[in-house]
């Protein structure tokens, strides 16, 4: 970790809501005049779309039905760790973009399913912001958790996560429920062994919990709304967290454990603003003093 060049890492699996969280961070950065450089977890996939399909076919032929983008070896985690380390030391680094669709292809000038070239960060940034699947990985080859200064986990309960993924992939990618179900099953091994352990490394977790029936996510006709949800916010180290202030400011909230607060679903953005803004300001203040 580096006081002079801090790193914020937001980790959550596909469909978890990390994009919404990123927009909240963007609001904080804009309001407080903080210049952040952002990197996306997709940029560190090891394979482009065509190569991933080929690799999946090879793995299945060899009897491996668990390989997915969640897997460690499907990603350039050593490269990500190197960029975290270099940024923490120098405030410099590089990234690229994975082009998902035609809209992004028009923006970046690359075909969908391919990567742009690596390009250096802009100079003069106040912090580095990562959002993706593997921002707090600790395994035999990398320790990304040790390189990030503030680690945020975004993880809905699993039935809600599956419901969100099924609806998103059917609506945006034209997949059938059966095809999405196959993807979920293929990812389960890596979800258990690669994704879940990261949430013990994160400093704060935001877990959305529906309060409507999601017992069979594979036939759910709609995604539970924020009004039909609660959010559990867990602090790994609650020291210094002003829980009475938070419960007073967030109507309908309460403490469920000594390190956890529960809030109504629509209040998640407000809670993030209240909790994260002072943390980010403290990080950037310490960076300037350093």
C-alpha atoms as a PDB file:
ATOM      1  CA  UNK A   1       0.000   0.000   0.000  1.00  0.00           C
ATOM      2  CA  UNK A   2       1.120   3.550  -0.648  1.00  0.00           C
ATOM      3  CA  UNK A   3       0.038   6.718   1.095  1.00  0.00           C
ATOM      4  CA  UNK A   4       1.297   8.835  -1.782  1.00  0.00           C
ATOM      5  CA  UNK A   5      -0.532   6.938  -4.545  1.00  0.00           C
ATOM      6  CA  UNK A   6      -3.602   5.214  -3.024  1.00  0.00           C
ATOM      7  CA  UNK A   7      -5.548   2.417  -4.692  1.00  0.00           C
ATOM      8  CA  UNK A   8      -9.260   1.660  -4.299  1.00  0.00           C
ATOM      9  CA  UNK A   9     -10.403  -1.803  -5.340  1.00  0.00           C
ATOM     10  CA  UNK A  10     -14.072  -2.716  -5.871  1.00  0.00           C
ATOM     11  CA  UNK A  11     -14.636  -6.443  -6.250  1.00  0.00           C
ATOM     12  CA  UNK A  12     -17.864  -8.182  -7.202  1.00  0.00           C
ATOM     13  CA  UNK A  13     -18.945 -10.980  -9.486  1.00  0.00           C
ATOM     14  CA  UNK A  14     -20.830 -10.542 -12.739  1.00  0.00           C
ATOM     15  CA  UNK A  15     -24.172  -8.839 -12.227  1.00  0.00           C
ATOM     16  CA  UNK A  16     -23.395  -7.925  -8.626  1.00  0.00           C
ATOM     17  CA  UNK A  17     -23.944  -4.201  -9.094  1.00  0.00           C
ATOM     18  CA  UNK A  18     -20.339  -3.024  -9.254  1.00  0.00           C
ATOM     19  CA  UNK A  19     -21.200  -0.722 -12.175  1.00  0.00           C
ATOM     20  CA  UNK A  20     -23.716   1.117  -9.961  1.00  0.00           C
ATOM     21  CA  UNK A  21     -21.090   1.377  -7.249  1.00  0.00           C
ATOM     22  CA  UNK A  22     -18.625   2.832  -9.754  1.00  0.00           C
ATOM     23  CA  UNK A  23     -21.106   5.576 -10.639  1.00  0.00           C
ATOM     24  CA  UNK A  24     -21.318   6.462  -6.943  1.00  0.00           C
ATOM     25  CA  UNK A  25     -17.539   6.691  -6.731  1.00  0.00           C
ATOM     26  CA  UNK A  26     -17.525   8.838  -9.880  1.00  0.00           C
ATOM     27  CA  UNK A  27     -19.971  11.213  -8.172  1.00  0.00           C
ATOM     28  CA  UNK A  28     -17.702  11.468  -5.139  1.00  0.00           C
ATOM     29  CA  UNK A  29     -14.613  12.042  -7.290  1.00  0.00           C
ATOM     30  CA  UNK A  30     -16.369  14.744  -9.326  1.00  0.00           C
ATOM     31  CA  UNK A  31     -17.870  16.513  -6.316  1.00  0.00           C
ATOM     32  CA  UNK A  32     -14.623  16.521  -4.331  1.00  0.00           C
ATOM     33  CA  UNK A  33     -12.383  17.423  -7.280  1.00  0.00           C
ATOM     34  CA  UNK A  34     -10.435  14.155  -7.146  1.00  0.00           C
ATOM     35  CA  UNK A  35      -8.673  12.966 -10.301  1.00  0.00           C
ATOM     36  CA  UNK A  36      -8.908   9.181 -10.494  1.00  0.00           C
ATOM     37  CA  UNK A  37      -7.596   6.795 -13.126  1.00  0.00           C
ATOM     38  CA  UNK A  38      -9.779   3.732 -13.603  1.00  0.00           C
ATOM     39  CA  UNK A  39      -9.009   0.188 -14.666  1.00  0.00           C
ATOM     40  CA  UNK A  40     -11.536  -2.544 -15.412  1.00  0.00           C
ATOM     41  CA  UNK A  41     -11.164  -6.176 -14.519  1.00  0.00           C
ATOM     42  CA  UNK A  42     -12.133  -7.154 -18.083  1.00  0.00           C
ATOM     43  CA  UNK A  43      -8.907  -5.565 -19.304  1.00  0.00           C
ATOM     44  CA  UNK A  44      -6.957  -8.314 -17.558  1.00  0.00           C
ATOM     45  CA  UNK A  45      -8.675 -11.305 -19.109  1.00  0.00           C
ATOM     46  CA  UNK A  46      -6.071 -13.618 -20.571  1.00  0.00           C
ATOM     47  CA  UNK A  47      -8.077 -14.350 -23.719  1.00  0.00           C
ATOM     48  CA  UNK A  48     -10.163 -12.317 -26.157  1.00  0.00           C
ATOM     49  CA  UNK A  49     -13.626 -13.643 -27.079  1.00  0.00           C
ATOM     50  CA  UNK A  50     -12.516 -15.961 -29.879  1.00  0.00           C
ATOM     51  CA  UNK A  51      -9.547 -17.310 -27.928  1.00  0.00           C
ATOM     52  CA  UNK A  52     -11.741 -17.861 -24.852  1.00  0.00           C
ATOM     53  CA  UNK A  53     -14.199 -19.945 -26.875  1.00  0.00           C
ATOM     54  CA  UNK A  54     -11.307 -22.014 -28.201  1.00  0.00           C
ATOM     55  CA  UNK A  55      -9.864 -22.453 -24.711  1.00  0.00           C
ATOM     56  CA  UNK A  56     -13.260 -23.487 -23.327  1.00  0.00           C
ATOM     57  CA  UNK A  57     -13.587 -26.117 -26.056  1.00  0.00           C
ATOM     58  CA  UNK A  58     -10.108 -27.460 -25.303  1.00  0.00           C
ATOM     59  CA  UNK A  59     -10.770 -27.564 -21.553  1.00  0.00           C
ATOM     60  CA  UNK A  60     -14.089 -29.353 -21.994  1.00  0.00           C
ATOM     61  CA  UNK A  61     -12.452 -31.886 -24.309  1.00  0.00           C
ATOM     62  CA  UNK A  62      -9.868 -32.507 -21.584  1.00  0.00           C
ATOM     63  CA  UNK A  63     -12.616 -33.049 -19.000  1.00  0.00           C
ATOM     64  CA  UNK A  64     -12.449 -29.636 -17.296  1.00  0.00           C
ATOM     65  CA  UNK A  65     -15.982 -28.240 -17.021  1.00  0.00           C
ATOM     66  CA  UNK A  66     -15.091 -25.545 -14.476  1.00  0.00           C
ATOM     67  CA  UNK A  67     -13.034 -23.067 -16.521  1.00  0.00           C
ATOM     68  CA  UNK A  68     -14.525 -19.553 -16.790  1.00  0.00           C
ATOM     69  CA  UNK A  69     -13.666 -15.868 -16.560  1.00  0.00           C
ATOM     70  CA  UNK A  70     -13.931 -16.310 -12.786  1.00  0.00           C
ATOM     71  CA  UNK A  71     -10.934 -18.679 -12.826  1.00  0.00           C
ATOM     72  CA  UNK A  72      -7.523 -17.394 -11.794  1.00  0.00           C
ATOM     73  CA  UNK A  73      -5.823 -18.795 -14.887  1.00  0.00           C
ATOM     74  CA  UNK A  74      -8.295 -17.059 -17.211  1.00  0.00           C
ATOM     75  CA  UNK A  75      -6.874 -13.722 -16.089  1.00  0.00           C
ATOM     76  CA  UNK A  76      -3.546 -11.889 -16.084  1.00  0.00           C
ATOM     77  CA  UNK A  77      -3.463 -11.461 -12.303  1.00  0.00           C
ATOM     78  CA  UNK A  78       0.320 -11.105 -12.207  1.00  0.00           C
ATOM     79  CA  UNK A  79       0.013  -8.192 -14.640  1.00  0.00           C
ATOM     80  CA  UNK A  80      -2.697  -6.623 -12.469  1.00  0.00           C
ATOM     81  CA  UNK A  81      -0.538  -7.009  -9.362  1.00  0.00           C
ATOM     82  CA  UNK A  82       2.392  -5.419 -11.200  1.00  0.00           C
ATOM     83  CA  UNK A  83       0.254  -2.405 -12.153  1.00  0.00           C
ATOM     84  CA  UNK A  84      -1.001  -2.052  -8.555  1.00  0.00           C
ATOM     85  CA  UNK A  85       2.594  -2.185  -7.309  1.00  0.00           C
ATOM     86  CA  UNK A  86       3.963   0.264  -9.884  1.00  0.00           C
ATOM     87  CA  UNK A  87       1.126   2.721  -9.314  1.00  0.00           C
ATOM     88  CA  UNK A  88       1.610   2.571  -5.548  1.00  0.00           C
ATOM     89  CA  UNK A  89       5.295   3.338  -5.998  1.00  0.00           C
ATOM     90  CA  UNK A  90       5.196   5.897  -8.819  1.00  0.00           C
ATOM     91  CA  UNK A  91       1.630   6.949  -9.618  1.00  0.00           C
ATOM     92  CA  UNK A  92       2.106   5.530 -13.102  1.00  0.00           C
ATOM     93  CA  UNK A  93       0.845   2.469 -14.932  1.00  0.00           C
ATOM     94  CA  UNK A  94      -1.081   1.314 -17.971  1.00  0.00           C
ATOM     95  CA  UNK A  95      -4.341  -0.315 -18.919  1.00  0.00           C
ATOM     96  CA  UNK A  96      -6.421  -1.359 -21.912  1.00  0.00           C
ATOM     97  CA  UNK A  97     -10.105  -1.967 -22.623  1.00  0.00           C
ATOM     98  CA  UNK A  98     -12.075  -5.071 -23.511  1.00  0.00           C
ATOM     99  CA  UNK A  99     -14.595  -4.173 -26.211  1.00  0.00           C
ATOM    100  CA  UNK A 100     -17.949  -5.754 -25.348  1.00  0.00           C
ATOM    101  CA  UNK A 101     -20.324  -4.641 -28.111  1.00  0.00           C
ATOM    102  CA  UNK A 102     -20.834  -2.493 -31.202  1.00  0.00           C
ATOM    103  CA  UNK A 103     -21.306   0.688 -29.175  1.00  0.00           C
ATOM    104  CA  UNK A 104     -17.916   0.210 -27.525  1.00  0.00           C
ATOM    105  CA  UNK A 105     -16.424  -0.804 -30.875  1.00  0.00           C
ATOM    106  CA  UNK A 106     -17.445   2.580 -32.292  1.00  0.00           C
ATOM    107  CA  UNK A 107     -15.854   4.305 -29.329  1.00  0.00           C
ATOM    108  CA  UNK A 108     -12.573   2.414 -29.271  1.00  0.00           C
ATOM    109  CA  UNK A 109     -12.150   1.456 -32.915  1.00  0.00           C
ATOM    110  CA  UNK A 110     -11.741  -2.249 -32.190  1.00  0.00           C
ATOM    111  CA  UNK A 111     -13.994  -5.164 -33.043  1.00  0.00           C
ATOM    112  CA  UNK A 112     -16.293  -6.507 -30.291  1.00  0.00           C
ATOM    113  CA  UNK A 113     -14.619  -9.252 -28.292  1.00  0.00           C
ATOM    114  CA  UNK A 114     -11.102  -7.838 -28.681  1.00  0.00           C
ATOM    115  CA  UNK A 115      -8.753  -5.714 -26.578  1.00  0.00           C
ATOM    116  CA  UNK A 116      -7.448  -2.245 -27.269  1.00  0.00           C
ATOM    117  CA  UNK A 117      -3.700  -1.654 -27.050  1.00  0.00           C
ATOM    118  CA  UNK A 118      -2.134  -1.005 -23.670  1.00  0.00           C
ATOM    119  CA  UNK A 119      -1.900   2.726 -22.973  1.00  0.00           C
ATOM    120  CA  UNK A 120      -0.311   4.670 -20.074  1.00  0.00           C
ATOM    121  CA  UNK A 121      -2.348   6.379 -17.368  1.00  0.00           C
ATOM    122  CA  UNK A 122      -2.762  10.124 -17.490  1.00  0.00           C
ATOM    123  CA  UNK A 123      -0.260  11.968 -15.324  1.00  0.00           C
ATOM    124  CA  UNK A 124      -1.207  13.735 -12.126  1.00  0.00           C
ATOM    125  CA  UNK A 125      -3.880  11.368 -10.795  1.00  0.00           C
ATOM    126  CA  UNK A 126      -4.866  11.387  -7.119  1.00  0.00           C
ATOM    127  CA  UNK A 127      -5.726   7.692  -6.904  1.00  0.00           C
ATOM    128  CA  UNK A 128      -6.259   4.476  -8.864  1.00  0.00           C
ATOM    129  CA  UNK A 129      -9.738   2.929  -9.016  1.00  0.00           C
ATOM    130  CA  UNK A 130     -10.194  -0.765  -9.929  1.00  0.00           C
ATOM    131  CA  UNK A 131     -13.557  -2.449 -10.566  1.00  0.00           C
ATOM    132  CA  UNK A 132     -13.774  -6.108 -11.490  1.00  0.00           C
ATOM    133  CA  UNK A 133     -13.745  -9.735 -10.399  1.00  0.00           C
ATOM    134  CA  UNK A 134     -10.340 -10.119  -8.801  1.00  0.00           C
ATOM    135  CA  UNK A 135      -9.384  -6.959  -6.938  1.00  0.00           C
ATOM    136  CA  UNK A 136      -8.666  -8.681  -3.616  1.00  0.00           C
ATOM    137  CA  UNK A 137      -7.223 -12.029  -4.700  1.00  0.00           C
ATOM    138  CA  UNK A 138      -4.733 -13.707  -2.395  1.00  0.00           C
ATOM    139  CA  UNK A 139      -3.285 -16.939  -3.758  1.00  0.00           C
ATOM    140  CA  UNK A 140       0.067 -18.656  -4.278  1.00  0.00           C
ATOM    141  CA  UNK A 141       1.222 -16.156  -6.920  1.00  0.00           C
ATOM    142  CA  UNK A 142      -0.331 -12.764  -6.069  1.00  0.00           C
ATOM    143  CA  UNK A 143      -1.503 -10.781  -3.056  1.00  0.00           C
ATOM    144  CA  UNK A 144      -3.643  -8.027  -4.524  1.00  0.00           C
ATOM    145  CA  UNK A 145      -5.328  -7.345  -1.189  1.00  0.00           C
ATOM    146  CA  UNK A 146      -2.018  -6.188   0.280  1.00  0.00           C
ATOM    147  CA  UNK A 147      -1.496  -3.729  -2.586  1.00  0.00           C
ATOM    148  CA  UNK A 148      -4.852  -1.918  -2.321  1.00  0.00           C
ATOM    149  CA  UNK A 149      -5.558   0.751   0.301  1.00  0.00           C
ATOM    150  CA  UNK A 150      -9.363   0.509   0.370  1.00  0.00           C
ATOM    151  CA  UNK A 151     -11.088  -2.714  -0.668  1.00  0.00           C
ATOM    152  CA  UNK A 152     -14.860  -2.786  -1.268  1.00  0.00           C
ATOM    153  CA  UNK A 153     -16.896  -5.945  -1.828  1.00  0.00           C
ATOM    154  CA  UNK A 154     -20.221  -5.838  -3.682  1.00  0.00           C
ATOM    155  CA  UNK A 155     -22.018  -9.151  -3.437  1.00  0.00           C
ATOM    156  CA  UNK A 156     -25.776  -9.815  -3.524  1.00  0.00           C
ATOM    157  CA  UNK A 157     -27.034 -13.062  -2.011  1.00  0.00           C
ATOM    158  CA  UNK A 158     -26.490 -15.781  -4.562  1.00  0.00           C
ATOM    159  CA  UNK A 159     -30.106 -16.294  -5.714  1.00  0.00           C
ATOM    160  CA  UNK A 160     -30.407 -12.567  -6.402  1.00  0.00           C
ATOM    161  CA  UNK A 161     -27.097 -12.614  -8.240  1.00  0.00           C
ATOM    162  CA  UNK A 162     -28.290 -15.468 -10.431  1.00  0.00           C
ATOM    163  CA  UNK A 163     -31.605 -13.711 -11.112  1.00  0.00           C
ATOM    164  CA  UNK A 164     -29.741 -10.565 -12.175  1.00  0.00           C
ATOM    165  CA  UNK A 165     -27.384 -12.512 -14.432  1.00  0.00           C
ATOM    166  CA  UNK A 166     -30.177 -14.495 -16.099  1.00  0.00           C
ATOM    167  CA  UNK A 167     -32.180 -11.364 -16.865  1.00  0.00           C
ATOM    168  CA  UNK A 168     -29.150  -9.373 -18.051  1.00  0.00           C
ATOM    169  CA  UNK A 169     -27.763 -12.096 -20.316  1.00  0.00           C
ATOM    170  CA  UNK A 170     -31.173 -12.831 -21.840  1.00  0.00           C
ATOM    171  CA  UNK A 171     -31.995  -9.151 -22.420  1.00  0.00           C
ATOM    172  CA  UNK A 172     -28.576  -7.866 -23.523  1.00  0.00           C
ATOM    173  CA  UNK A 173     -26.952 -10.920 -25.090  1.00  0.00           C
ATOM    174  CA  UNK A 174     -29.904 -12.937 -26.350  1.00  0.00           C
ATOM    175  CA  UNK A 175     -29.052 -16.047 -24.327  1.00  0.00           C
ATOM    176  CA  UNK A 176     -31.645 -18.616 -23.292  1.00  0.00           C
ATOM    177  CA  UNK A 177     -32.251 -19.438 -19.642  1.00  0.00           C
ATOM    178  CA  UNK A 178     -30.677 -22.840 -20.264  1.00  0.00           C
ATOM    179  CA  UNK A 179     -27.512 -21.276 -21.707  1.00  0.00           C
ATOM    180  CA  UNK A 180     -27.144 -18.913 -18.746  1.00  0.00           C
ATOM    181  CA  UNK A 181     -27.753 -21.806 -16.357  1.00  0.00           C
ATOM    182  CA  UNK A 182     -24.908 -23.750 -18.008  1.00  0.00           C
ATOM    183  CA  UNK A 183     -22.633 -20.726 -17.509  1.00  0.00           C
ATOM    184  CA  UNK A 184     -23.605 -20.458 -13.839  1.00  0.00           C
ATOM    185  CA  UNK A 185     -22.888 -24.158 -13.276  1.00  0.00           C
ATOM    186  CA  UNK A 186     -19.519 -23.887 -15.034  1.00  0.00           C
ATOM    187  CA  UNK A 187     -18.573 -20.903 -12.879  1.00  0.00           C
ATOM    188  CA  UNK A 188     -19.565 -22.403  -9.532  1.00  0.00           C
ATOM    189  CA  UNK A 189     -16.198 -24.017  -8.762  1.00  0.00           C
ATOM    190  CA  UNK A 190     -14.313 -20.754  -9.355  1.00  0.00           C
ATOM    191  CA  UNK A 191     -17.051 -18.762  -7.593  1.00  0.00           C
ATOM    192  CA  UNK A 192     -16.471 -20.825  -4.457  1.00  0.00           C
ATOM    193  CA  UNK A 193     -12.680 -20.972  -4.666  1.00  0.00           C
ATOM    194  CA  UNK A 194     -11.718 -17.696  -6.402  1.00  0.00           C
ATOM    195  CA  UNK A 195     -14.491 -15.135  -5.800  1.00  0.00           C
ATOM    196  CA  UNK A 196     -15.920 -15.798  -2.324  1.00  0.00           C
ATOM    197  CA  UNK A 197     -12.549 -15.828  -0.462  1.00  0.00           C
ATOM    198  CA  UNK A 198     -11.929 -12.237  -1.560  1.00  0.00           C
ATOM    199  CA  UNK A 199     -14.799 -10.977   0.581  1.00  0.00           C
ATOM    200  CA  UNK A 200     -12.865 -11.873   3.727  1.00  0.00           C
ATOM    201  CA  UNK A 201     -10.087  -9.552   2.500  1.00  0.00           C
ATOM    202  CA  UNK A 202     -12.298  -6.544   1.778  1.00  0.00           C
ATOM    203  CA  UNK A 203     -12.567  -3.633   4.219  1.00  0.00           C
ATOM    204  CA  UNK A 204     -16.288  -3.039   3.590  1.00  0.00           C
ATOM    205  CA  UNK A 205     -18.870  -5.341   2.024  1.00  0.00           C
ATOM    206  CA  UNK A 206     -22.211  -4.247   0.602  1.00  0.00           C
ATOM    207  CA  UNK A 207     -24.537  -7.241   0.309  1.00  0.00           C
ATOM    208  CA  UNK A 208     -27.980  -6.770  -1.204  1.00  0.00           C
ATOM    209  CA  UNK A 209     -30.660  -9.068   0.198  1.00  0.00           C
ATOM    210  CA  UNK A 210     -34.127  -9.313  -1.414  1.00  0.00           C
ATOM    211  CA  UNK A 211     -37.153  -9.424   0.859  1.00  0.00           C
ATOM    212  CA  UNK A 212     -39.317 -11.107  -1.783  1.00  0.00           C
ATOM    213  CA  UNK A 213     -39.255 -14.752  -2.826  1.00  0.00           C
ATOM    214  CA  UNK A 214     -36.231 -15.612  -4.975  1.00  0.00           C
ATOM    215  CA  UNK A 215     -36.194 -19.293  -4.084  1.00  0.00           C
ATOM    216  CA  UNK A 216     -36.143 -20.306  -7.767  1.00  0.00           C
ATOM    217  CA  UNK A 217     -34.147 -17.645  -9.635  1.00  0.00           C
ATOM    218  CA  UNK A 218     -34.332 -19.614 -12.881  1.00  0.00           C
ATOM    219  CA  UNK A 219     -38.045 -18.877 -13.344  1.00  0.00           C
ATOM    220  CA  UNK A 220     -38.150 -15.384 -11.780  1.00  0.00           C
ATOM    221  CA  UNK A 221     -39.926 -13.008 -14.140  1.00  0.00           C
ATOM    222  CA  UNK A 222     -38.345  -9.820 -12.773  1.00  0.00           C
ATOM    223  CA  UNK A 223     -35.427  -8.668 -10.663  1.00  0.00           C
ATOM    224  CA  UNK A 224     -36.318  -7.530  -7.131  1.00  0.00           C
ATOM    225  CA  UNK A 225     -36.222  -3.746  -6.972  1.00  0.00           C
ATOM    226  CA  UNK A 226     -34.264  -1.717  -4.391  1.00  0.00           C
ATOM    227  CA  UNK A 227     -37.572  -1.114  -2.601  1.00  0.00           C
ATOM    228  CA  UNK A 228     -37.867  -4.887  -2.277  1.00  0.00           C
ATOM    229  CA  UNK A 229     -34.365  -5.233  -0.833  1.00  0.00           C
ATOM    230  CA  UNK A 230     -32.184  -4.549   2.168  1.00  0.00           C
ATOM    231  CA  UNK A 231     -28.430  -3.946   2.077  1.00  0.00           C
ATOM    232  CA  UNK A 232     -26.144  -5.368   4.750  1.00  0.00           C
ATOM    233  CA  UNK A 233     -22.968  -3.306   5.187  1.00  0.00           C
ATOM    234  CA  UNK A 234     -20.154  -5.104   7.012  1.00  0.00           C
ATOM    235  CA  UNK A 235     -16.945  -3.417   8.208  1.00  0.00           C
ATOM    236  CA  UNK A 236     -13.945  -5.667   8.698  1.00  0.00           C
ATOM    237  CA  UNK A 237     -12.601  -3.230  11.278  1.00  0.00           C
ATOM    238  CA  UNK A 238     -15.432  -1.196  12.833  1.00  0.00           C
ATOM    239  CA  UNK A 239     -13.053   0.941  14.881  1.00  0.00           C
ATOM    240  CA  UNK A 240     -13.715   4.599  14.122  1.00  0.00           C
ATOM    241  CA  UNK A 241     -17.036   3.968  12.333  1.00  0.00           C
ATOM    242  CA  UNK A 242     -19.712   6.255  13.772  1.00  0.00           C
ATOM    243  CA  UNK A 243     -22.655   3.860  13.775  1.00  0.00           C
ATOM    244  CA  UNK A 244     -25.002   6.172  15.734  1.00  0.00           C
ATOM    245  CA  UNK A 245     -24.424   8.882  13.114  1.00  0.00           C
ATOM    246  CA  UNK A 246     -25.103   6.459  10.248  1.00  0.00           C
ATOM    247  CA  UNK A 247     -28.289   5.067  11.774  1.00  0.00           C
ATOM    248  CA  UNK A 248     -29.482   8.621  12.446  1.00  0.00           C
ATOM    249  CA  UNK A 249     -28.724   9.821   8.907  1.00  0.00           C
ATOM    250  CA  UNK A 250     -30.088   6.734   7.101  1.00  0.00           C
ATOM    251  CA  UNK A 251     -33.776   6.412   7.852  1.00  0.00           C
ATOM    252  CA  UNK A 252     -34.888   2.843   8.534  1.00  0.00           C
ATOM    253  CA  UNK A 253     -31.389   1.512   9.266  1.00  0.00           C
ATOM    254  CA  UNK A 254     -30.240  -0.510  12.245  1.00  0.00           C
ATOM    255  CA  UNK A 255     -27.202  -2.400  13.527  1.00  0.00           C
ATOM    256  CA  UNK A 256     -27.425  -6.178  13.208  1.00  0.00           C
ATOM    257  CA  UNK A 257     -23.969  -6.923  14.640  1.00  0.00           C
ATOM    258  CA  UNK A 258     -21.198  -4.928  16.227  1.00  0.00           C
ATOM    259  CA  UNK A 259     -19.579  -4.487  12.796  1.00  0.00           C
ATOM    260  CA  UNK A 260     -22.682  -4.418  10.560  1.00  0.00           C
ATOM    261  CA  UNK A 261     -25.487  -2.058   9.649  1.00  0.00           C
ATOM    262  CA  UNK A 262     -28.636  -2.893   7.659  1.00  0.00           C
ATOM    263  CA  UNK A 263     -30.219  -0.236   5.448  1.00  0.00           C
ATOM    264  CA  UNK A 264     -33.210  -0.048   3.085  1.00  0.00           C
ATOM    265  CA  UNK A 265     -32.238  -0.884  -0.512  1.00  0.00           C
ATOM    266  CA  UNK A 266     -32.924   2.595  -1.943  1.00  0.00           C
ATOM    267  CA  UNK A 267     -30.525   4.113   0.613  1.00  0.00           C
ATOM    268  CA  UNK A 268     -27.418   2.333  -0.693  1.00  0.00           C
ATOM    269  CA  UNK A 269     -26.127   5.316  -2.655  1.00  0.00           C
ATOM    270  CA  UNK A 270     -26.597   7.616   0.361  1.00  0.00           C
ATOM    271  CA  UNK A 271     -24.865   5.118   2.642  1.00  0.00           C
ATOM    272  CA  UNK A 272     -21.895   4.863   0.292  1.00  0.00           C
ATOM    273  CA  UNK A 273     -21.645   8.645   0.092  1.00  0.00           C
ATOM    274  CA  UNK A 274     -21.698   8.983   3.890  1.00  0.00           C
ATOM    275  CA  UNK A 275     -19.262   6.133   4.545  1.00  0.00           C
ATOM    276  CA  UNK A 276     -16.817   6.458   1.672  1.00  0.00           C
ATOM    277  CA  UNK A 277     -16.475  10.217   1.165  1.00  0.00           C
ATOM    278  CA  UNK A 278     -14.551  10.849   4.414  1.00  0.00           C
ATOM    279  CA  UNK A 279     -12.381   7.783   3.784  1.00  0.00           C
ATOM    280  CA  UNK A 280     -11.486   8.956   0.274  1.00  0.00           C
ATOM    281  CA  UNK A 281     -10.831  12.521   1.437  1.00  0.00           C
ATOM    282  CA  UNK A 282      -8.550  11.223   4.182  1.00  0.00           C
ATOM    283  CA  UNK A 283      -6.643   9.074   1.676  1.00  0.00           C
ATOM    284  CA  UNK A 284      -6.130  11.929  -0.778  1.00  0.00           C
ATOM    285  CA  UNK A 285      -5.238  14.357   2.042  1.00  0.00           C
ATOM    286  CA  UNK A 286      -2.585  11.945   3.360  1.00  0.00           C
ATOM    287  CA  UNK A 287      -1.314  11.436  -0.205  1.00  0.00           C
ATOM    288  CA  UNK A 288      -0.771  15.144  -0.711  1.00  0.00           C
ATOM    289  CA  UNK A 289       1.003  15.451   2.638  1.00  0.00           C
ATOM    290  CA  UNK A 290       3.242  12.507   1.730  1.00  0.00           C
END
